[in-house]
PDB file of N, CA and C in Angstrom:
ATOM      1  N   MET A   1      55.672  32.960 -90.777  1.00  0.00           N
ATOM      2  CA  MET A   1      54.728  32.880 -91.870  1.00  0.00           C
ATOM      3  C   MET A   1      55.345  33.576 -93.081  1.00  0.00           C
ATOM      4  N   SER A   2      55.161  33.006 -94.245  1.00  0.00           N
ATOM      5  CA  SER A   2      55.761  33.570 -95.439  1.00  0.00           C
ATOM      6  C   SER A   2      55.034  34.829 -95.882  1.00  0.00           C
ATOM      7  N   SER A   3      55.745  35.626 -96.632  1.00  0.00           N
ATOM      8  CA  SER A   3      55.184  36.891 -97.113  1.00  0.00           C
ATOM      9  C   SER A   3      54.012  36.642 -98.069  1.00  0.00           C
ATOM     10  N   ARG A   4      54.113  35.576 -98.845  1.00  0.00           N
ATOM     11  CA  ARG A   4      53.047  35.264 -99.797  1.00  0.00           C
ATOM     12  C   ARG A   4      51.738  34.925 -99.076  1.00  0.00           C
ATOM     13  N   LYS A   5      51.839  34.186 -97.958  1.00  0.00           N
ATOM     14  CA  LYS A   5      50.648  33.871 -97.179  1.00  0.00           C
ATOM     15  C   LYS A   5      50.058  35.131 -96.575  1.00  0.00           C
ATOM     16  N   ASN A   6      50.913  36.033 -96.109  1.00  0.00           N
ATOM     17  CA  ASN A   6      50.430  37.282 -95.526  1.00  0.00           C
ATOM     18  C   ASN A   6      49.663  38.104 -96.546  1.00  0.00           C
ATOM     19  N   VAL A   7      50.156  38.156 -97.764  1.00  0.00           N
ATOM     20  CA  VAL A   7      49.467  38.906 -98.820  1.00  0.00           C
ATOM     21  C   VAL A   7      48.124  38.251 -99.137  1.00  0.00           C
ATOM     22  N   THR A   8      48.095  36.927 -99.148  1.00  0.00           N
ATOM     23  CA  THR A   8      46.841  36.210 -99.392  1.00  0.00           C
ATOM     24  C   THR A   8      45.826  36.512 -98.293  1.00  0.00           C
ATOM     25  N   TYR A   9      46.268  36.466 -97.035  1.00  0.00           N
ATOM     26  CA  TYR A   9      45.373  36.783 -95.923  1.00  0.00           C
ATOM     27  C   TYR A   9      44.905  38.232 -95.983  1.00  0.00           C
ATOM     28  N   PHE A  10      45.782  39.134 -96.416  1.00  0.00           N
ATOM     29  CA  PHE A  10      45.406  40.540 -96.576  1.00  0.00           C
ATOM     30  C   PHE A  10      44.298  40.673 -97.614  1.00  0.00           C
ATOM     31  N   LEU A  11      44.447  39.984 -98.741  1.00  0.00           N
ATOM     32  CA  LEU A  11      43.429  40.060 -99.795  1.00  0.00           C
ATOM     33  C   LEU A  11      42.100  39.474 -99.331  1.00  0.00           C
ATOM     34  N   VAL A  12      42.146  38.394 -98.563  1.00  0.00           N
ATOM     35  CA  VAL A  12      40.912  37.811 -98.018  1.00  0.00           C
ATOM     36  C   VAL A  12      40.241  38.804 -97.071  1.00  0.00           C
ATOM     37  N   ALA A  13      41.043  39.467 -96.228  1.00  0.00           N
ATOM     38  CA  ALA A  13      40.495  40.463 -95.307  1.00  0.00           C
ATOM     39  C   ALA A  13      39.915  41.652 -96.068  1.00  0.00           C
ATOM     40  N   LEU A  14      40.563  42.062 -97.147  1.00  0.00           N
ATOM     41  CA  LEU A  14      40.069  43.179 -97.955  1.00  0.00           C
ATOM     42  C   LEU A  14      38.735  42.820 -98.621  1.00  0.00           C
ATOM     43  N   ILE A  15      38.663  41.641 -99.201  1.00  0.00           N
ATOM     44  CA  ILE A  15      37.412  41.215 -99.841  1.00  0.00           C
ATOM     45  C   ILE A  15      36.306  41.058 -98.796  1.00  0.00           C
ATOM     46  N   GLY A  16      36.650  40.505 -97.640  1.00  0.00           N
ATOM     47  CA  GLY A  16      35.669  40.373 -96.565  1.00  0.00           C
ATOM     48  C   GLY A  16      35.159  41.720 -96.087  1.00  0.00           C
ATOM     49  N   SER A  17      36.053  42.697 -96.010  1.00  0.00           N
ATOM     50  CA  SER A  17      35.645  44.037 -95.572  1.00  0.00           C
ATOM     51  C   SER A  17      34.707  44.693 -96.576  1.00  0.00           C
ATOM     52  N   LEU A  18      35.008  44.507 -97.850  1.00  0.00           N
ATOM     53  CA  LEU A  18      34.196  45.138 -98.886  1.00  0.00           C
ATOM     54  C   LEU A  18      32.851  44.454 -99.087  1.00  0.00           C
ATOM     55  N   THR A  19      32.756  43.182 -98.740  1.00  0.00           N
ATOM     56  CA  THR A  19      31.493  42.470 -98.939  1.00  0.00           C
ATOM     57  C   THR A  19      30.743  42.296 -97.623  1.00  0.00           C
ATOM     58  N   LEU A  20      31.250  41.454 -96.743  1.00  0.00           N
ATOM     59  CA  LEU A  20      30.559  41.168 -95.487  1.00  0.00           C
ATOM     60  C   LEU A  20      30.544  42.359 -94.538  1.00  0.00           C
ATOM     61  N   GLY A  21      31.633  43.105 -94.513  1.00  0.00           N
ATOM     62  CA  GLY A  21      31.715  44.235 -93.593  1.00  0.00           C
ATOM     63  C   GLY A  21      30.783  45.373 -93.944  1.00  0.00           C
ATOM     64  N   LEU A  22      30.509  45.549 -95.226  1.00  0.00           N
ATOM     65  CA  LEU A  22      29.663  46.656 -95.657  1.00  0.00           C
ATOM     66  C   LEU A  22      28.238  46.239 -96.013  1.00  0.00           C
ATOM     67  N   ALA A  23      27.920  44.961 -95.897  1.00  0.00           N
ATOM     68  CA  ALA A  23      26.577  44.497 -96.250  1.00  0.00           C
ATOM     69  C   ALA A  23      25.566  44.933 -95.199  1.00  0.00           C
ATOM     70  N   PRO A  24      24.348  45.203 -95.485  1.00  0.00           N
ATOM     71  CA  PRO A  24      23.803  45.529 -96.804  1.00  0.00           C
ATOM     72  C   PRO A  24      24.258  46.919 -97.243  1.00  0.00           C
ATOM     73  N   PHE A  25      24.340  47.119 -98.514  1.00  0.00           N
ATOM     74  CA  PHE A  25      24.954  48.332 -99.053  1.00  0.00           C
ATOM     75  C   PHE A  25      24.016  49.529 -99.096  1.00  0.00           C
ATOM     76  N   THR A  26      22.711  49.302 -99.169  1.00  0.00           N
ATOM     77  CA  THR A  26      21.779  50.424 -99.258  1.00  0.00           C
ATOM     78  C   THR A  26      20.810  50.382 -98.091  1.00  0.00           C
ATOM     79  N   PRO A  27      20.355  51.440 -97.546  1.00  0.00           N
ATOM     80  CA  PRO A  27      20.684  52.827 -97.868  1.00  0.00           C
ATOM     81  C   PRO A  27      22.045  53.256 -97.313  1.00  0.00           C
ATOM     82  N   GLU A  28      22.551  52.558 -96.301  1.00  0.00           N
ATOM     83  CA  GLU A  28      23.914  52.777 -95.811  1.00  0.00           C
ATOM     84  C   GLU A  28      24.416  51.446 -95.268  1.00  0.00           C
ATOM     85  N   PRO A  29      25.740  51.266 -95.227  1.00  0.00           N
ATOM     86  CA  PRO A  29      26.258  50.013 -94.675  1.00  0.00           C
ATOM     87  C   PRO A  29      25.787  49.797 -93.237  1.00  0.00           C
ATOM     88  N   HIS A  30      25.501  48.567 -92.914  1.00  0.00           N
ATOM     89  CA  HIS A  30      24.948  48.197 -91.615  1.00  0.00           C
ATOM     90  C   HIS A  30      25.867  48.611 -90.467  1.00  0.00           C
ATOM     91  N   VAL A  31      27.161  48.412 -90.652  1.00  0.00           N
ATOM     92  CA  VAL A  31      28.118  48.736 -89.597  1.00  0.00           C
ATOM     93  C   VAL A  31      28.163  50.248 -89.340  1.00  0.00           C
ATOM     94  N   VAL A  32      27.965  51.044 -90.378  1.00  0.00           N
ATOM     95  CA  VAL A  32      27.939  52.506 -90.215  1.00  0.00           C
ATOM     96  C   VAL A  32      26.724  52.913 -89.380  1.00  0.00           C
ATOM     97  N   GLY A  33      25.589  52.303 -89.646  1.00  0.00           N
ATOM     98  CA  GLY A  33      24.386  52.595 -88.875  1.00  0.00           C
ATOM     99  C   GLY A  33      24.539  52.229 -87.407  1.00  0.00           C
ATOM    100  N   LYS A  34      25.183  51.083 -87.148  1.00  0.00           N
ATOM    101  CA  LYS A  34      25.400  50.659 -85.757  1.00  0.00           C
ATOM    102  C   LYS A  34      26.336  51.622 -85.037  1.00  0.00           C
ATOM    103  N   TRP A  35      27.396  52.056 -85.711  1.00  0.00           N
ATOM    104  CA  TRP A  35      28.328  53.009 -85.072  1.00  0.00           C
ATOM    105  C   TRP A  35      27.648  54.351 -84.810  1.00  0.00           C
ATOM    106  N   ARG A  36      26.804  54.792 -85.734  1.00  0.00           N
ATOM    107  CA  ARG A  36      26.057  56.040 -85.497  1.00  0.00           C
ATOM    108  C   ARG A  36      25.146  55.894 -84.288  1.00  0.00           C
ATOM    109  N   TRP A  37      24.548  54.719 -84.169  1.00  0.00           N
ATOM    110  CA  TRP A  37      23.655  54.440 -83.049  1.00  0.00           C
ATOM    111  C   TRP A  37      24.425  54.498 -81.731  1.00  0.00           C
ATOM    112  N   ILE A  38      25.600  53.898 -81.691  1.00  0.00           N
ATOM    113  CA  ILE A  38      26.419  53.908 -80.478  1.00  0.00           C
ATOM    114  C   ILE A  38      26.914  55.314 -80.159  1.00  0.00           C
ATOM    115  N   LEU A  39      27.393  56.026 -81.167  1.00  0.00           N
ATOM    116  CA  LEU A  39      27.909  57.386 -80.940  1.00  0.00           C
ATOM    117  C   LEU A  39      26.793  58.354 -80.562  1.00  0.00           C
ATOM    118  N   GLY A  40      25.561  58.018 -80.906  1.00  0.00           N
ATOM    119  CA  GLY A  40      24.415  58.854 -80.548  1.00  0.00           C
ATOM    120  C   GLY A  40      23.843  58.546 -79.175  1.00  0.00           C
ATOM    121  N   GLY A  41      24.442  57.609 -78.466  1.00  0.00           N
ATOM    122  CA  GLY A  41      23.973  57.301 -77.120  1.00  0.00           C
ATOM    123  C   GLY A  41      23.540  55.868 -76.923  1.00  0.00           C
ATOM    124  N   ALA A  42      23.346  55.128 -77.997  1.00  0.00           N
ATOM    125  CA  ALA A  42      23.000  53.704 -77.956  1.00  0.00           C
ATOM    126  C   ALA A  42      21.788  53.398 -77.092  1.00  0.00           C
ATOM    127  N   LYS A  43      20.780  54.236 -77.181  1.00  0.00           N
ATOM    128  CA  LYS A  43      19.558  53.964 -76.417  1.00  0.00           C
ATOM    129  C   LYS A  43      18.770  52.871 -77.110  1.00  0.00           C
ATOM    130  N   GLY A  44      18.427  51.859 -76.371  1.00  0.00           N
ATOM    131  CA  GLY A  44      17.618  50.779 -76.911  1.00  0.00           C
ATOM    132  C   GLY A  44      18.399  49.650 -77.553  1.00  0.00           C
ATOM    133  N   MET A  45      19.731  49.703 -77.526  1.00  0.00           N
ATOM    134  CA  MET A  45      20.507  48.608 -78.105  1.00  0.00           C
ATOM    135  C   MET A  45      20.479  47.408 -77.168  1.00  0.00           C
ATOM    136  N   LYS A  46      20.344  46.257 -77.749  1.00  0.00           N
ATOM    137  CA  LYS A  46      20.305  45.018 -76.987  1.00  0.00           C
ATOM    138  C   LYS A  46      21.585  44.220 -77.268  1.00  0.00           C
ATOM    139  N   PHE A  47      21.729  43.082 -76.588  1.00  0.00           N
ATOM    140  CA  PHE A  47      22.906  42.245 -76.773  1.00  0.00           C
ATOM    141  C   PHE A  47      23.091  41.865 -78.240  1.00  0.00           C
ATOM    142  N   MET A  48      22.013  41.526 -78.913  1.00  0.00           N
ATOM    143  CA  MET A  48      22.089  41.112 -80.319  1.00  0.00           C
ATOM    144  C   MET A  48      22.632  42.231 -81.200  1.00  0.00           C
ATOM    145  N   ASP A  49      22.309  43.490 -80.883  1.00  0.00           N
ATOM    146  CA  ASP A  49      22.821  44.617 -81.653  1.00  0.00           C
ATOM    147  C   ASP A  49      24.333  44.756 -81.495  1.00  0.00           C
ATOM    148  N   TYR A  50      24.824  44.572 -80.266  1.00  0.00           N
ATOM    149  CA  TYR A  50      26.270  44.640 -80.039  1.00  0.00           C
ATOM    150  C   TYR A  50      26.975  43.466 -80.717  1.00  0.00           C
ATOM    151  N   PHE A  51      26.381  42.281 -80.645  1.00  0.00           N
ATOM    152  CA  PHE A  51      26.938  41.117 -81.314  1.00  0.00           C
ATOM    153  C   PHE A  51      26.983  41.343 -82.824  1.00  0.00           C
ATOM    154  N   ASP A  52      25.947  41.917 -83.371  1.00  0.00           N
ATOM    155  CA  ASP A  52      25.882  42.226 -84.798  1.00  0.00           C
ATOM    156  C   ASP A  52      26.964  43.230 -85.186  1.00  0.00           C
ATOM    157  N   LEU A  53      27.185  44.218 -84.343  1.00  0.00           N
ATOM    158  CA  LEU A  53      28.240  45.207 -84.603  1.00  0.00           C
ATOM    159  C   LEU A  53      29.610  44.534 -84.624  1.00  0.00           C
ATOM    160  N   ILE A  54      29.864  43.667 -83.666  1.00  0.00           N
ATOM    161  CA  ILE A  54      31.151  42.960 -83.625  1.00  0.00           C
ATOM    162  C   ILE A  54      31.311  42.087 -84.856  1.00  0.00           C
ATOM    163  N   LEU A  55      30.259  41.392 -85.230  1.00  0.00           N
ATOM    164  CA  LEU A  55      30.312  40.503 -86.385  1.00  0.00           C
ATOM    165  C   LEU A  55      30.607  41.274 -87.670  1.00  0.00           C
ATOM    166  N   HIS A  56      29.978  42.423 -87.850  1.00  0.00           N
ATOM    167  CA  HIS A  56      30.219  43.222 -89.056  1.00  0.00           C
ATOM    168  C   HIS A  56      31.556  43.961 -88.999  1.00  0.00           C
ATOM    169  N   SER A  57      32.105  44.159 -87.809  1.00  0.00           N
ATOM    170  CA  SER A  57      33.383  44.864 -87.668  1.00  0.00           C
ATOM    171  C   SER A  57      34.590  43.943 -87.794  1.00  0.00           C
ATOM    172  N   LEU A  58      34.405  42.647 -87.622  1.00  0.00           N
ATOM    173  CA  LEU A  58      35.533  41.721 -87.664  1.00  0.00           C
ATOM    174  C   LEU A  58      36.351  41.781 -88.956  1.00  0.00           C
ATOM    175  N   PRO A  59      35.748  41.870 -90.141  1.00  0.00           N
ATOM    176  CA  PRO A  59      36.582  41.970 -91.348  1.00  0.00           C
ATOM    177  C   PRO A  59      37.473  43.221 -91.337  1.00  0.00           C
ATOM    178  N   PHE A  60      36.973  44.326 -90.788  1.00  0.00           N
ATOM    179  CA  PHE A  60      37.776  45.541 -90.727  1.00  0.00           C
ATOM    180  C   PHE A  60      38.913  45.408 -89.721  1.00  0.00           C
ATOM    181  N   ILE A  61      38.648  44.743 -88.610  1.00  0.00           N
ATOM    182  CA  ILE A  61      39.693  44.509 -87.605  1.00  0.00           C
ATOM    183  C   ILE A  61      40.771  43.608 -88.186  1.00  0.00           C
ATOM    184  N   LEU A  62      40.368  42.562 -88.887  1.00  0.00           N
ATOM    185  CA  LEU A  62      41.326  41.679 -89.538  1.00  0.00           C
ATOM    186  C   LEU A  62      42.124  42.422 -90.597  1.00  0.00           C
ATOM    187  N   LEU A  63      41.473  43.282 -91.363  1.00  0.00           N
ATOM    188  CA  LEU A  63      42.168  44.065 -92.377  1.00  0.00           C
ATOM    189  C   LEU A  63      43.193  44.994 -91.741  1.00  0.00           C
ATOM    190  N   LEU A  64      42.848  45.627 -90.641  1.00  0.00           N
ATOM    191  CA  LEU A  64      43.789  46.496 -89.932  1.00  0.00           C
ATOM    192  C   LEU A  64      44.982  45.688 -89.424  1.00  0.00           C
ATOM    193  N   PHE A  65      44.722  44.526 -88.826  1.00  0.00           N
ATOM    194  CA  PHE A  65      45.789  43.670 -88.323  1.00  0.00           C
ATOM    195  C   PHE A  65      46.723  43.243 -89.447  1.00  0.00           C
ATOM    196  N   MET A  66      46.169  42.812 -90.573  1.00  0.00           N
ATOM    197  CA  MET A  66      46.999  42.359 -91.687  1.00  0.00           C
ATOM    198  C   MET A  66      47.771  43.511 -92.329  1.00  0.00           C
ATOM    199  N   THR A  67      47.199  44.713 -92.355  1.00  0.00           N
ATOM    200  CA  THR A  67      47.906  45.869 -92.890  1.00  0.00           C
ATOM    201  C   THR A  67      49.116  46.193 -92.024  1.00  0.00           C
ATOM    202  N   ILE A  68      48.931  46.173 -90.719  1.00  0.00           N
ATOM    203  CA  ILE A  68      50.042  46.445 -89.807  1.00  0.00           C
ATOM    204  C   ILE A  68      51.108  45.357 -89.939  1.00  0.00           C
ATOM    205  N   LYS A  69      50.681  44.116 -90.096  1.00  0.00           N
ATOM    206  CA  LYS A  69      51.617  43.007 -90.220  1.00  0.00           C
ATOM    207  C   LYS A  69      52.446  43.099 -91.502  1.00  0.00           C
ATOM    208  N   LEU A  70      51.867  43.642 -92.556  1.00  0.00           N
ATOM    209  CA  LEU A  70      52.577  43.735 -93.834  1.00  0.00           C
ATOM    210  C   LEU A  70      53.496  44.955 -93.929  1.00  0.00           C
ATOM    211  N   LEU A  71      53.350  45.900 -93.011  1.00  0.00           N
ATOM    212  CA  LEU A  71      54.213  47.073 -93.056  1.00  0.00           C
ATOM    213  C   LEU A  71      55.657  46.668 -92.777  1.00  0.00           C
ATOM    214  N   PRO A  72      56.594  47.247 -93.530  1.00  0.00           N
ATOM    215  CA  PRO A  72      57.995  46.899 -93.267  1.00  0.00           C
ATOM    216  C   PRO A  72      58.442  47.457 -91.914  1.00  0.00           C
ATOM    217  N   ILE A  73      59.171  46.638 -91.174  1.00  0.00           N
ATOM    218  CA  ILE A  73      59.654  47.033 -89.857  1.00  0.00           C
ATOM    219  C   ILE A  73      61.174  47.158 -89.926  1.00  0.00           C
ATOM    220  N   ARG A  74      61.673  48.295 -89.496  1.00  0.00           N
ATOM    221  CA  ARG A  74      63.110  48.491 -89.454  1.00  0.00           C
ATOM    222  C   ARG A  74      63.641  47.938 -88.134  1.00  0.00           C
ATOM    223  N   ARG A  75      64.662  47.128 -88.261  1.00  0.00           N
ATOM    224  CA  ARG A  75      65.245  46.522 -87.075  1.00  0.00           C
ATOM    225  C   ARG A  75      66.619  47.104 -86.823  1.00  0.00           C
ATOM    226  N   ARG A  76      66.919  47.292 -85.563  1.00  0.00           N
ATOM    227  CA  ARG A  76      68.270  47.765 -85.197  1.00  0.00           C
ATOM    228  C   ARG A  76      69.227  46.598 -85.190  1.00  0.00           C
ATOM    229  N   ASN A  77      70.411  46.832 -85.677  1.00  0.00           N
ATOM    230  CA  ASN A  77      71.452  45.793 -85.639  1.00  0.00           C
ATOM    231  C   ASN A  77      72.513  46.156 -84.641  1.00  0.00           C
TER     232      ASN A  77
END
């Protein structure tokens, strides 16, 4: 894959993280509330809550993957 395509995919992942990943923005991002719920013991969470967490986390996972992919890798010769 060309470097230009990788940068484009990185920008799409960044925009997705800032919009879809953090929606709704007030009073706190939805994904932050779900993570607090899980770290607090996740009492009362149902399948839909876990699915919602995965859905809101996907832009961040994609952003992490694209960031790692864009990092320069030193190769031994």
